[in-house]
Amino acid sequence: MSASLQAARRRYSGVFPVAPTIFDERGVLDLEGQKRAIDFMIDAGSHGICILANFSEQFVLTDDEREQVMDTVLEHVAGRVPVIVTTTHFGTDICAARSRRAQDAGAAMVMVMPPYHGATFRVPEIAIRGFFQAVSDAIDIPVMVQDAPVAGTPLSVELLARMAREIENLAYFKIEVPMAAAKLRALIALGGEAIEGPWDGEEAITLMADLDAGATGAMTGGAYPDGIRQITDAFFAGQRDAAQDAYDRWLPLINYENRQCGLLAAKVLMQEGGVIASERVRHPLLPLHPATRAGLIETARRVDPLVLRWGR
């Protein structure tokens, strides 16, 4: 990336949770509910929002539904916060076209996993590099690489740092693989200024370690950005002990989401708090067991997140 472009471009940091995709009880898109979810997430302190990610159930949406959700959210946000649009697809040209469409609609950034399909369809590093080069060439906004176990594609620190140096718009990295802090630390050391955004993921389960390693952003579940802000705000203000205390308070809920509920946690908490009318997920995903749901609510009430009060 040229020095002038890097200097002119805004650097994004802070808490950018993933918005769930909202359905009604029939499983049809509930776009009014989607708007309410977005409004809650902004009111709860999100510095920005990510849509159409895995925690948004992007894999159960048709292409037309993806467009509807993207256009609805971007129009409704209307610049209040930056919006990251996930444009992942195995096909290079399709991913590039999706990314162009997201940029044209007003996205601040796109997030993309490396090409993968099923358990064994993988491509070598030379193809991964070409894939991200094509996505970058199609747009003028930043590209975030999502380094996630779901892809099953090893992305070495050396490859990520080289792509950051050589591919103009590729500058953000959501690291959510095992030993994330070690990978973040190594990536920052090797990539230097080319690494504009080393970010934490995986519902903030490793947030304190990742912040200590140099993470400047956190992409979490969408239900309690106010809680995550208590951790990150203190840390970035140089108050590490206060950040650790906040992390200790919120960790049981973070853990319950990460280990027991997954993407359903945000919808359940939003429905419980009157943000949305239905916590419906699309089959073959199944609703939470009543006991798990009750455990989530009980755990959440101990820290009193805004989500349980926002719509009441």
C-alpha atoms as a PDB file:
ATOM      1  CA  MET A   1       0.000   0.000   0.000  1.00  0.00           C
ATOM      2  CA  SER A   2       1.297   3.445  -0.830  1.00  0.00           C
ATOM      3  CA  ALA A   3       2.252   5.644   2.118  1.00  0.00           C
ATOM      4  CA  SER A   4      -0.154   8.356   0.988  1.00  0.00           C
ATOM      5  CA  LEU A   5      -3.126   5.976   0.780  1.00  0.00           C
ATOM      6  CA  GLN A   6      -2.297   4.470   4.150  1.00  0.00           C
ATOM      7  CA  ALA A   7      -2.078   7.927   5.732  1.00  0.00           C
ATOM      8  CA  ALA A   8      -5.368   9.074   4.190  1.00  0.00           C
ATOM      9  CA  ARG A   9      -7.377   6.000   5.094  1.00  0.00           C
ATOM     10  CA  ARG A  10      -9.153   5.816   8.413  1.00  0.00           C
ATOM     11  CA  ARG A  11      -7.980   3.084  10.717  1.00  0.00           C
ATOM     12  CA  TYR A  12     -10.775   1.092  12.297  1.00  0.00           C
ATOM     13  CA  SER A  13     -10.478  -0.190  15.852  1.00  0.00           C
ATOM     14  CA  GLY A  14     -12.619  -1.060  18.834  1.00  0.00           C
ATOM     15  CA  VAL A  15     -15.650  -3.320  19.134  1.00  0.00           C
ATOM     16  CA  PHE A  16     -17.293  -4.439  15.861  1.00  0.00           C
ATOM     17  CA  PRO A  17     -19.748  -7.202  16.785  1.00  0.00           C
ATOM     18  CA  VAL A  18     -21.450  -9.482  14.276  1.00  0.00           C
ATOM     19  CA  ALA A  19     -25.134  -8.753  13.731  1.00  0.00           C
ATOM     20  CA  PRO A  20     -27.472 -11.752  13.637  1.00  0.00           C
ATOM     21  CA  THR A  21     -29.797 -12.083  10.656  1.00  0.00           C
ATOM     22  CA  ILE A  22     -33.346 -11.790  11.974  1.00  0.00           C
ATOM     23  CA  PHE A  23     -36.158 -14.108  10.872  1.00  0.00           C
ATOM     24  CA  ASP A  24     -39.806 -14.261  11.867  1.00  0.00           C
ATOM     25  CA  GLU A  25     -41.403 -17.420  13.228  1.00  0.00           C
ATOM     26  CA  ARG A  26     -41.895 -18.720   9.682  1.00  0.00           C
ATOM     27  CA  GLY A  27     -38.194 -18.359   8.926  1.00  0.00           C
ATOM     28  CA  VAL A  28     -38.740 -15.385   6.603  1.00  0.00           C
ATOM     29  CA  LEU A  29     -36.446 -12.357   6.770  1.00  0.00           C
ATOM     30  CA  ASP A  30     -37.732  -9.853   9.336  1.00  0.00           C
ATOM     31  CA  LEU A  31     -36.199  -6.629   8.042  1.00  0.00           C
ATOM     32  CA  GLU A  32     -37.908  -4.436  10.624  1.00  0.00           C
ATOM     33  CA  GLY A  33     -36.522  -6.701  13.317  1.00  0.00           C
ATOM     34  CA  GLN A  34     -33.149  -6.456  11.603  1.00  0.00           C
ATOM     35  CA  LYS A  35     -33.257  -2.689  11.950  1.00  0.00           C
ATOM     36  CA  ARG A  36     -34.117  -2.952  15.641  1.00  0.00           C
ATOM     37  CA  ALA A  37     -31.194  -5.314  16.198  1.00  0.00           C
ATOM     38  CA  ILE A  38     -28.868  -2.834  14.508  1.00  0.00           C
ATOM     39  CA  ASP A  39     -30.239   0.088  16.539  1.00  0.00           C
ATOM     40  CA  PHE A  40     -29.709  -1.858  19.750  1.00  0.00           C
ATOM     41  CA  MET A  41     -26.133  -2.740  18.794  1.00  0.00           C
ATOM     42  CA  ILE A  42     -25.339   0.908  18.109  1.00  0.00           C
ATOM     43  CA  ASP A  43     -27.001   2.032  21.356  1.00  0.00           C
ATOM     44  CA  ALA A  44     -24.969  -0.602  23.227  1.00  0.00           C
ATOM     45  CA  GLY A  45     -21.723   1.030  22.129  1.00  0.00           C
ATOM     46  CA  SER A  46     -20.604  -0.791  18.990  1.00  0.00           C
ATOM     47  CA  HIS A  47     -17.877   1.142  17.210  1.00  0.00           C
ATOM     48  CA  GLY A  48     -19.005  -0.615  14.048  1.00  0.00           C
ATOM     49  CA  ILE A  49     -20.973  -3.671  12.951  1.00  0.00           C
ATOM     50  CA  CYS A  50     -20.258  -6.705  10.792  1.00  0.00           C
ATOM     51  CA  ILE A  51     -23.052  -8.301   8.765  1.00  0.00           C
ATOM     52  CA  LEU A  52     -23.479 -11.512   6.769  1.00  0.00           C
ATOM     53  CA  ALA A  53     -20.808 -13.355   8.731  1.00  0.00           C
ATOM     54  CA  ASN A  54     -21.015 -16.955   9.917  1.00  0.00           C
ATOM     55  CA  PHE A  55     -22.702 -15.787  13.144  1.00  0.00           C
ATOM     56  CA  SER A  56     -25.204 -14.067  10.831  1.00  0.00           C
ATOM     57  CA  GLU A  57     -26.152 -17.447   9.346  1.00  0.00           C
ATOM     58  CA  GLN A  58     -24.835 -16.306   5.977  1.00  0.00           C
ATOM     59  CA  PHE A  59     -24.773 -19.935   4.864  1.00  0.00           C
ATOM     60  CA  VAL A  60     -28.583 -20.277   5.008  1.00  0.00           C
ATOM     61  CA  LEU A  61     -29.327 -17.167   2.945  1.00  0.00           C
ATOM     62  CA  THR A  62     -30.053 -16.985  -0.757  1.00  0.00           C
ATOM     63  CA  ASP A  63     -28.109 -14.486  -2.847  1.00  0.00           C
ATOM     64  CA  ASP A  64     -31.211 -12.312  -3.055  1.00  0.00           C
ATOM     65  CA  GLU A  65     -31.618 -12.403   0.724  1.00  0.00           C
ATOM     66  CA  ARG A  66     -27.990 -11.396   1.190  1.00  0.00           C
ATOM     67  CA  GLU A  67     -28.650  -8.344  -0.964  1.00  0.00           C
ATOM     68  CA  GLN A  68     -31.800  -7.487   0.983  1.00  0.00           C
ATOM     69  CA  VAL A  69     -30.030  -7.694   4.339  1.00  0.00           C
ATOM     70  CA  MET A  70     -27.026  -5.711   3.133  1.00  0.00           C
ATOM     71  CA  ASP A  71     -29.077  -2.932   1.545  1.00  0.00           C
ATOM     72  CA  THR A  72     -31.453  -2.728   4.504  1.00  0.00           C
ATOM     73  CA  VAL A  73     -28.668  -2.489   7.074  1.00  0.00           C
ATOM     74  CA  LEU A  74     -26.503  -0.032   5.169  1.00  0.00           C
ATOM     75  CA  GLU A  75     -29.438   2.248   4.405  1.00  0.00           C
ATOM     76  CA  HIS A  76     -30.663   2.081   7.991  1.00  0.00           C
ATOM     77  CA  VAL A  77     -27.257   2.684   9.569  1.00  0.00           C
ATOM     78  CA  ALA A  78     -26.831   5.682   7.255  1.00  0.00           C
ATOM     79  CA  GLY A  79     -23.247   6.298   8.296  1.00  0.00           C
ATOM     80  CA  ARG A  80     -23.813   6.219  12.059  1.00  0.00           C
ATOM     81  CA  VAL A  81     -21.094   3.580  12.383  1.00  0.00           C
ATOM     82  CA  PRO A  82     -18.909   1.811   9.821  1.00  0.00           C
ATOM     83  CA  VAL A  83     -20.302  -1.491   8.546  1.00  0.00           C
ATOM     84  CA  ILE A  84     -18.172  -4.465   7.526  1.00  0.00           C
ATOM     85  CA  VAL A  85     -19.829  -6.751   4.978  1.00  0.00           C
ATOM     86  CA  THR A  86     -18.743 -10.378   4.743  1.00  0.00           C
ATOM     87  CA  THR A  87     -18.375 -11.346   1.084  1.00  0.00           C
ATOM     88  CA  THR A  88     -16.829 -14.797   1.407  1.00  0.00           C
ATOM     89  CA  HIS A  89     -17.245 -17.172  -1.522  1.00  0.00           C
ATOM     90  CA  PHE A  90     -15.085 -19.958  -2.964  1.00  0.00           C
ATOM     91  CA  GLY A  91     -15.107 -18.396  -6.420  1.00  0.00           C
ATOM     92  CA  THR A  92     -12.614 -15.572  -6.921  1.00  0.00           C
ATOM     93  CA  ASP A  93     -14.728 -13.642  -9.422  1.00  0.00           C
ATOM     94  CA  ILE A  94     -17.889 -14.044  -7.337  1.00  0.00           C
ATOM     95  CA  CYS A  95     -16.149 -12.865  -4.165  1.00  0.00           C
ATOM     96  CA  ALA A  96     -14.686  -9.880  -6.035  1.00  0.00           C
ATOM     97  CA  ALA A  97     -18.110  -8.993  -7.461  1.00  0.00           C
ATOM     98  CA  ARG A  98     -19.747  -9.321  -4.039  1.00  0.00           C
ATOM     99  CA  SER A  99     -17.064  -7.038  -2.617  1.00  0.00           C
ATOM    100  CA  ARG A 100     -17.618  -4.431  -5.316  1.00  0.00           C
ATOM    101  CA  ARG A 101     -21.348  -4.543  -4.669  1.00  0.00           C
ATOM    102  CA  ALA A 102     -20.767  -4.088  -0.932  1.00  0.00           C
ATOM    103  CA  GLN A 103     -18.497  -1.112  -1.537  1.00  0.00           C
ATOM    104  CA  ASP A 104     -21.021   0.488  -3.886  1.00  0.00           C
ATOM    105  CA  ALA A 105     -23.751   0.030  -1.251  1.00  0.00           C
ATOM    106  CA  GLY A 106     -21.681   1.818   1.392  1.00  0.00           C
ATOM    107  CA  ALA A 107     -19.624  -0.829   3.189  1.00  0.00           C
ATOM    108  CA  ALA A 108     -16.570   0.460   5.072  1.00  0.00           C
ATOM    109  CA  MET A 109     -14.715  -2.840   4.713  1.00  0.00           C
ATOM    110  CA  VAL A 110     -15.228  -6.385   3.482  1.00  0.00           C
ATOM    111  CA  MET A 111     -14.349  -9.510   5.437  1.00  0.00           C
ATOM    112  CA  VAL A 112     -13.346 -12.635   3.525  1.00  0.00           C
ATOM    113  CA  MET A 113     -12.285 -16.161   4.423  1.00  0.00           C
ATOM    114  CA  PRO A 114      -9.807 -17.974   2.181  1.00  0.00           C
ATOM    115  CA  PRO A 115     -11.354 -20.209  -0.497  1.00  0.00           C
ATOM    116  CA  TYR A 116     -12.649 -23.466   0.939  1.00  0.00           C
ATOM    117  CA  HIS A 117     -15.528 -25.844   0.365  1.00  0.00           C
ATOM    118  CA  GLY A 118     -16.438 -28.859   2.450  1.00  0.00           C
ATOM    119  CA  ALA A 119     -13.834 -30.917   4.227  1.00  0.00           C
ATOM    120  CA  THR A 120     -11.252 -31.314   1.474  1.00  0.00           C
ATOM    121  CA  PHE A 121     -11.635 -28.587  -1.177  1.00  0.00           C
ATOM    122  CA  ARG A 122      -8.626 -26.350  -0.517  1.00  0.00           C
ATOM    123  CA  VAL A 123      -6.306 -24.338  -2.726  1.00  0.00           C
ATOM    124  CA  PRO A 124      -2.537 -23.751  -2.353  1.00  0.00           C
ATOM    125  CA  GLU A 125      -0.940 -20.538  -1.108  1.00  0.00           C
ATOM    126  CA  ILE A 126      -0.306 -19.226  -4.616  1.00  0.00           C
ATOM    127  CA  ALA A 127      -4.052 -19.443  -5.327  1.00  0.00           C
ATOM    128  CA  ILE A 128      -4.951 -17.897  -1.973  1.00  0.00           C
ATOM    129  CA  ARG A 129      -2.698 -14.961  -2.732  1.00  0.00           C
ATOM    130  CA  GLY A 130      -4.213 -14.549  -6.190  1.00  0.00           C
ATOM    131  CA  PHE A 131      -7.704 -14.745  -4.720  1.00  0.00           C
ATOM    132  CA  PHE A 132      -7.088 -11.907  -2.258  1.00  0.00           C
ATOM    133  CA  GLN A 133      -5.268  -9.890  -4.913  1.00  0.00           C
ATOM    134  CA  ALA A 134      -8.341 -10.061  -7.155  1.00  0.00           C
ATOM    135  CA  VAL A 135     -10.662  -9.029  -4.328  1.00  0.00           C
ATOM    136  CA  SER A 136      -8.418  -6.086  -3.458  1.00  0.00           C
ATOM    137  CA  ASP A 137      -8.143  -5.032  -7.102  1.00  0.00           C
ATOM    138  CA  ALA A 138     -11.946  -4.885  -7.350  1.00  0.00           C
ATOM    139  CA  ILE A 139     -12.421  -2.338  -4.552  1.00  0.00           C
ATOM    140  CA  ASP A 140     -10.933   0.677  -2.801  1.00  0.00           C
ATOM    141  CA  ILE A 141     -11.952  -0.161   0.771  1.00  0.00           C
ATOM    142  CA  PRO A 142      -9.995  -2.375   3.185  1.00  0.00           C
ATOM    143  CA  VAL A 143     -10.121  -6.166   3.077  1.00  0.00           C
ATOM    144  CA  MET A 144     -10.120  -8.147   6.333  1.00  0.00           C
ATOM    145  CA  VAL A 145      -8.840 -11.713   6.179  1.00  0.00           C
ATOM    146  CA  GLN A 146     -10.888 -13.981   8.428  1.00  0.00           C
ATOM    147  CA  ASP A 147      -8.495 -16.608   9.727  1.00  0.00           C
ATOM    148  CA  ALA A 148     -11.015 -19.026  11.196  1.00  0.00           C
ATOM    149  CA  PRO A 149     -11.036 -22.758  11.944  1.00  0.00           C
ATOM    150  CA  VAL A 150     -14.237 -23.189   9.922  1.00  0.00           C
ATOM    151  CA  ALA A 151     -12.233 -22.694   6.718  1.00  0.00           C
ATOM    152  CA  GLY A 152      -9.773 -25.410   7.666  1.00  0.00           C
ATOM    153  CA  THR A 153      -7.195 -23.585   5.557  1.00  0.00           C
ATOM    154  CA  PRO A 154      -3.791 -22.998   7.153  1.00  0.00           C
ATOM    155  CA  LEU A 155      -2.740 -19.374   6.732  1.00  0.00           C
ATOM    156  CA  SER A 156       0.863 -18.974   7.813  1.00  0.00           C
ATOM    157  CA  VAL A 157       2.048 -15.774   9.429  1.00  0.00           C
ATOM    158  CA  GLU A 158       4.527 -15.438   6.594  1.00  0.00           C
ATOM    159  CA  LEU A 159       1.771 -15.597   3.965  1.00  0.00           C
ATOM    160  CA  LEU A 160      -0.454 -13.113   5.806  1.00  0.00           C
ATOM    161  CA  ALA A 161       2.373 -10.631   6.345  1.00  0.00           C
ATOM    162  CA  ARG A 162       3.500 -10.921   2.733  1.00  0.00           C
ATOM    163  CA  MET A 163      -0.019 -10.343   1.442  1.00  0.00           C
ATOM    164  CA  ALA A 164      -0.372  -7.329   3.734  1.00  0.00           C
ATOM    165  CA  ARG A 165       2.814  -5.834   2.307  1.00  0.00           C
ATOM    166  CA  GLU A 166       2.073  -6.652  -1.331  1.00  0.00           C
ATOM    167  CA  ILE A 167      -1.727  -6.357  -1.709  1.00  0.00           C
ATOM    168  CA  GLU A 168      -2.871  -2.767  -1.533  1.00  0.00           C
ATOM    169  CA  ASN A 169      -6.160  -3.013   0.373  1.00  0.00           C
ATOM    170  CA  LEU A 170      -5.451  -6.112   2.441  1.00  0.00           C
ATOM    171  CA  ALA A 171      -4.728  -4.691   5.880  1.00  0.00           C
ATOM    172  CA  TYR A 172      -6.997  -6.237   8.546  1.00  0.00           C
ATOM    173  CA  PHE A 173      -6.839  -9.691  10.084  1.00  0.00           C
ATOM    174  CA  LYS A 174      -9.403 -11.362  12.312  1.00  0.00           C
ATOM    175  CA  ILE A 175      -7.454 -14.111  14.031  1.00  0.00           C
ATOM    176  CA  GLU A 176      -9.597 -16.772  15.717  1.00  0.00           C
ATOM    177  CA  VAL A 177      -7.528 -19.921  15.389  1.00  0.00           C
ATOM    178  CA  PRO A 178      -6.010 -21.758  18.374  1.00  0.00           C
ATOM    179  CA  MET A 179      -3.120 -19.828  19.957  1.00  0.00           C
ATOM    180  CA  ALA A 180      -4.540 -16.620  18.498  1.00  0.00           C
ATOM    181  CA  ALA A 181      -2.444 -14.333  20.703  1.00  0.00           C
ATOM    182  CA  ALA A 182       0.804 -15.936  19.577  1.00  0.00           C
ATOM    183  CA  LYS A 183      -0.242 -15.593  15.939  1.00  0.00           C
ATOM    184  CA  LEU A 184      -1.273 -11.964  16.394  1.00  0.00           C
ATOM    185  CA  ARG A 185       2.035 -11.156  18.073  1.00  0.00           C
ATOM    186  CA  ALA A 186       4.034 -12.819  15.311  1.00  0.00           C
ATOM    187  CA  LEU A 187       1.953 -11.182  12.569  1.00  0.00           C
ATOM    188  CA  ILE A 188       2.432  -7.713  14.030  1.00  0.00           C
ATOM    189  CA  ALA A 189       6.170  -8.285  14.401  1.00  0.00           C
ATOM    190  CA  LEU A 190       6.614  -9.575  10.849  1.00  0.00           C
ATOM    191  CA  GLY A 191       4.124  -7.322   9.035  1.00  0.00           C
ATOM    192  CA  GLY A 192       4.864  -4.041  10.793  1.00  0.00           C
ATOM    193  CA  GLU A 193       2.916  -1.026   9.539  1.00  0.00           C
ATOM    194  CA  ALA A 194       1.235  -3.102   6.839  1.00  0.00           C
ATOM    195  CA  ILE A 195      -0.898  -4.670   9.586  1.00  0.00           C
ATOM    196  CA  GLU A 196      -3.430  -1.873  10.080  1.00  0.00           C
ATOM    197  CA  GLY A 197      -5.883  -3.973  12.064  1.00  0.00           C
ATOM    198  CA  PRO A 198      -4.857  -7.042  14.064  1.00  0.00           C
ATOM    199  CA  TRP A 199      -8.205  -8.138  15.513  1.00  0.00           C
ATOM    200  CA  ASP A 200      -9.543 -10.639  18.005  1.00  0.00           C
ATOM    201  CA  GLY A 201     -12.503 -12.910  17.216  1.00  0.00           C
ATOM    202  CA  GLU A 202     -14.208 -16.065  18.525  1.00  0.00           C
ATOM    203  CA  GLU A 203     -16.668 -14.195  20.773  1.00  0.00           C
ATOM    204  CA  ALA A 204     -13.795 -12.612  22.782  1.00  0.00           C
ATOM    205  CA  ILE A 205     -13.004 -15.882  24.551  1.00  0.00           C
ATOM    206  CA  THR A 206      -9.281 -14.993  24.251  1.00  0.00           C
ATOM    207  CA  LEU A 207      -9.726 -11.215  24.347  1.00  0.00           C
ATOM    208  CA  MET A 208      -7.331 -10.285  27.159  1.00  0.00           C
ATOM    209  CA  ALA A 209      -4.510 -12.392  25.762  1.00  0.00           C
ATOM    210  CA  ASP A 210      -5.147 -10.972  22.312  1.00  0.00           C
ATOM    211  CA  LEU A 211      -5.162  -7.382  23.581  1.00  0.00           C
ATOM    212  CA  ASP A 212      -1.873  -8.043  25.352  1.00  0.00           C
ATOM    213  CA  ALA A 213      -0.530  -9.360  22.039  1.00  0.00           C
ATOM    214  CA  GLY A 214      -1.442  -6.113  20.261  1.00  0.00           C
ATOM    215  CA  ALA A 215      -5.003  -6.595  19.003  1.00  0.00           C
ATOM    216  CA  THR A 216      -6.680  -3.278  18.226  1.00  0.00           C
ATOM    217  CA  GLY A 217     -10.167  -4.568  17.413  1.00  0.00           C
ATOM    218  CA  ALA A 218     -12.608  -7.203  18.620  1.00  0.00           C
ATOM    219  CA  MET A 219     -15.268  -8.851  16.484  1.00  0.00           C
ATOM    220  CA  THR A 220     -17.597 -10.588  18.898  1.00  0.00           C
ATOM    221  CA  GLY A 221     -21.161 -11.814  19.091  1.00  0.00           C
ATOM    222  CA  GLY A 222     -23.801  -9.102  18.819  1.00  0.00           C
ATOM    223  CA  ALA A 223     -25.589  -9.349  22.165  1.00  0.00           C
ATOM    224  CA  TYR A 224     -23.449  -7.361  24.590  1.00  0.00           C
ATOM    225  CA  PRO A 225     -21.060  -4.856  23.002  1.00  0.00           C
ATOM    226  CA  ASP A 226     -21.538  -2.773  26.160  1.00  0.00           C
ATOM    227  CA  GLY A 227     -19.811  -5.521  28.138  1.00  0.00           C
ATOM    228  CA  ILE A 228     -16.963  -5.920  25.663  1.00  0.00           C
ATOM    229  CA  ARG A 229     -16.491  -2.136  25.698  1.00  0.00           C
ATOM    230  CA  GLN A 230     -15.888  -2.253  29.451  1.00  0.00           C
ATOM    231  CA  ILE A 231     -12.880  -4.449  28.733  1.00  0.00           C
ATOM    232  CA  THR A 232     -11.462  -2.745  25.665  1.00  0.00           C
ATOM    233  CA  ASP A 233     -12.066   0.846  26.774  1.00  0.00           C
ATOM    234  CA  ALA A 234     -10.142   0.272  29.990  1.00  0.00           C
ATOM    235  CA  PHE A 235      -7.343  -1.568  28.205  1.00  0.00           C
ATOM    236  CA  PHE A 236      -6.841   1.101  25.538  1.00  0.00           C
ATOM    237  CA  ALA A 237      -6.882   3.765  28.267  1.00  0.00           C
ATOM    238  CA  GLY A 238      -3.877   2.063  29.836  1.00  0.00           C
ATOM    239  CA  GLN A 239      -5.891   0.619  32.733  1.00  0.00           C
ATOM    240  CA  ARG A 240      -5.019  -3.033  32.329  1.00  0.00           C
ATOM    241  CA  ASP A 241      -6.068  -4.071  35.832  1.00  0.00           C
ATOM    242  CA  ALA A 242      -9.522  -2.565  35.274  1.00  0.00           C
ATOM    243  CA  ALA A 243      -9.701  -4.317  31.907  1.00  0.00           C
ATOM    244  CA  GLN A 244      -8.821  -7.621  33.540  1.00  0.00           C
ATOM    245  CA  ASP A 245     -11.458  -7.081  36.217  1.00  0.00           C
ATOM    246  CA  ALA A 246     -14.074  -6.377  33.539  1.00  0.00           C
ATOM    247  CA  TYR A 247     -12.977  -9.442  31.590  1.00  0.00           C
ATOM    248  CA  ASP A 248     -13.320 -11.564  34.717  1.00  0.00           C
ATOM    249  CA  ARG A 249     -16.879 -10.258  35.210  1.00  0.00           C
ATOM    250  CA  TRP A 250     -17.999 -10.905  31.645  1.00  0.00           C
ATOM    251  CA  LEU A 251     -16.050 -14.104  31.002  1.00  0.00           C
ATOM    252  CA  PRO A 252     -18.775 -16.482  32.269  1.00  0.00           C
ATOM    253  CA  LEU A 253     -21.203 -15.026  29.712  1.00  0.00           C
ATOM    254  CA  ILE A 254     -18.565 -14.987  26.975  1.00  0.00           C
ATOM    255  CA  ASN A 255     -17.767 -18.609  27.775  1.00  0.00           C
ATOM    256  CA  TYR A 256     -21.440 -19.602  27.831  1.00  0.00           C
ATOM    257  CA  GLU A 257     -21.935 -18.082  24.397  1.00  0.00           C
ATOM    258  CA  ASN A 258     -18.779 -19.579  22.951  1.00  0.00           C
ATOM    259  CA  ARG A 259     -19.067 -23.073  24.394  1.00  0.00           C
ATOM    260  CA  GLN A 260     -22.806 -23.671  24.834  1.00  0.00           C
ATOM    261  CA  CYS A 261     -24.805 -21.504  22.436  1.00  0.00           C
ATOM    262  CA  GLY A 262     -22.800 -20.264  19.475  1.00  0.00           C
ATOM    263  CA  LEU A 263     -24.651 -17.970  17.118  1.00  0.00           C
ATOM    264  CA  LEU A 264     -27.977 -18.543  18.882  1.00  0.00           C
ATOM    265  CA  ALA A 265     -26.883 -16.565  21.951  1.00  0.00           C
ATOM    266  CA  ALA A 266     -27.367 -13.145  20.382  1.00  0.00           C
ATOM    267  CA  LYS A 267     -30.849 -13.971  19.108  1.00  0.00           C
ATOM    268  CA  VAL A 268     -31.985 -15.481  22.388  1.00  0.00           C
ATOM    269  CA  LEU A 269     -30.769 -12.516  24.421  1.00  0.00           C
ATOM    270  CA  MET A 270     -32.252 -10.039  21.935  1.00  0.00           C
ATOM    271  CA  GLN A 271     -35.616 -11.809  22.019  1.00  0.00           C
ATOM    272  CA  GLU A 272     -35.557 -12.036  25.801  1.00  0.00           C
ATOM    273  CA  GLY A 273     -34.931  -8.306  26.033  1.00  0.00           C
ATOM    274  CA  GLY A 274     -37.590  -7.315  23.516  1.00  0.00           C
ATOM    275  CA  VAL A 275     -35.155  -6.216  20.812  1.00  0.00           C
ATOM    276  CA  ILE A 276     -36.574  -8.705  18.303  1.00  0.00           C
ATOM    277  CA  ALA A 277     -39.787 -10.707  18.167  1.00  0.00           C
ATOM    278  CA  SER A 278     -38.302 -14.098  17.304  1.00  0.00           C
ATOM    279  CA  GLU A 279     -35.072 -15.950  18.030  1.00  0.00           C
ATOM    280  CA  ARG A 280     -35.747 -18.298  15.112  1.00  0.00           C
ATOM    281  CA  VAL A 281     -32.797 -19.851  13.289  1.00  0.00           C
ATOM    282  CA  ARG A 282     -33.107 -21.676  10.005  1.00  0.00           C
ATOM    283  CA  HIS A 283     -33.081 -25.458   9.785  1.00  0.00           C
ATOM    284  CA  PRO A 284     -30.909 -27.504   9.928  1.00  0.00           C
ATOM    285  CA  LEU A 285     -29.840 -25.286  12.849  1.00  0.00           C
ATOM    286  CA  LEU A 286     -31.930 -26.096  15.902  1.00  0.00           C
ATOM    287  CA  PRO A 287     -33.140 -23.926  18.788  1.00  0.00           C
ATOM    288  CA  LEU A 288     -31.357 -24.084  22.123  1.00  0.00           C
ATOM    289  CA  HIS A 289     -32.447 -26.722  24.589  1.00  0.00           C
ATOM    290  CA  PRO A 290     -34.684 -25.040  27.189  1.00  0.00           C
ATOM    291  CA  ALA A 291     -32.150 -25.756  29.938  1.00  0.00           C
ATOM    292  CA  THR A 292     -29.312 -24.213  27.911  1.00  0.00           C
ATOM    293  CA  ARG A 293     -31.467 -21.206  27.111  1.00  0.00           C
ATOM    294  CA  ALA A 294     -32.301 -20.745  30.796  1.00  0.00           C
ATOM    295  CA  GLY A 295     -28.621 -21.022  31.688  1.00  0.00           C
ATOM    296  CA  LEU A 296     -27.734 -18.343  29.179  1.00  0.00           C
ATOM    297  CA  ILE A 297     -30.335 -15.943  30.537  1.00  0.00           C
ATOM    298  CA  GLU A 298     -29.309 -16.592  34.139  1.00  0.00           C
ATOM    299  CA  THR A 299     -25.646 -16.022  33.313  1.00  0.00           C
ATOM    300  CA  ALA A 300     -26.447 -12.835  31.428  1.00  0.00           C
ATOM    301  CA  ARG A 301     -28.569 -11.400  34.238  1.00  0.00           C
ATOM    302  CA  ARG A 302     -25.593 -11.532  36.584  1.00  0.00           C
ATOM    303  CA  VAL A 303     -23.862  -8.803  34.528  1.00  0.00           C
ATOM    304  CA  ASP A 304     -27.026  -6.895  33.497  1.00  0.00           C
ATOM    305  CA  PRO A 305     -26.302  -6.290  29.792  1.00  0.00           C
ATOM    306  CA  LEU A 306     -28.305  -3.625  27.997  1.00  0.00           C
ATOM    307  CA  VAL A 307     -29.773  -6.260  25.689  1.00  0.00           C
ATOM    308  CA  LEU A 308     -32.049  -7.523  28.491  1.00  0.00           C
ATOM    309  CA  ARG A 309     -33.418  -3.997  29.082  1.00  0.00           C
ATOM    310  CA  TRP A 310     -33.310  -2.252  25.717  1.00  0.00           C
ATOM    311  CA  GLY A 311     -36.704  -3.296  24.404  1.00  0.00           C
ATOM    312  CA  ARG A 312     -38.616  -3.475  27.692  1.00  0.00           C
END
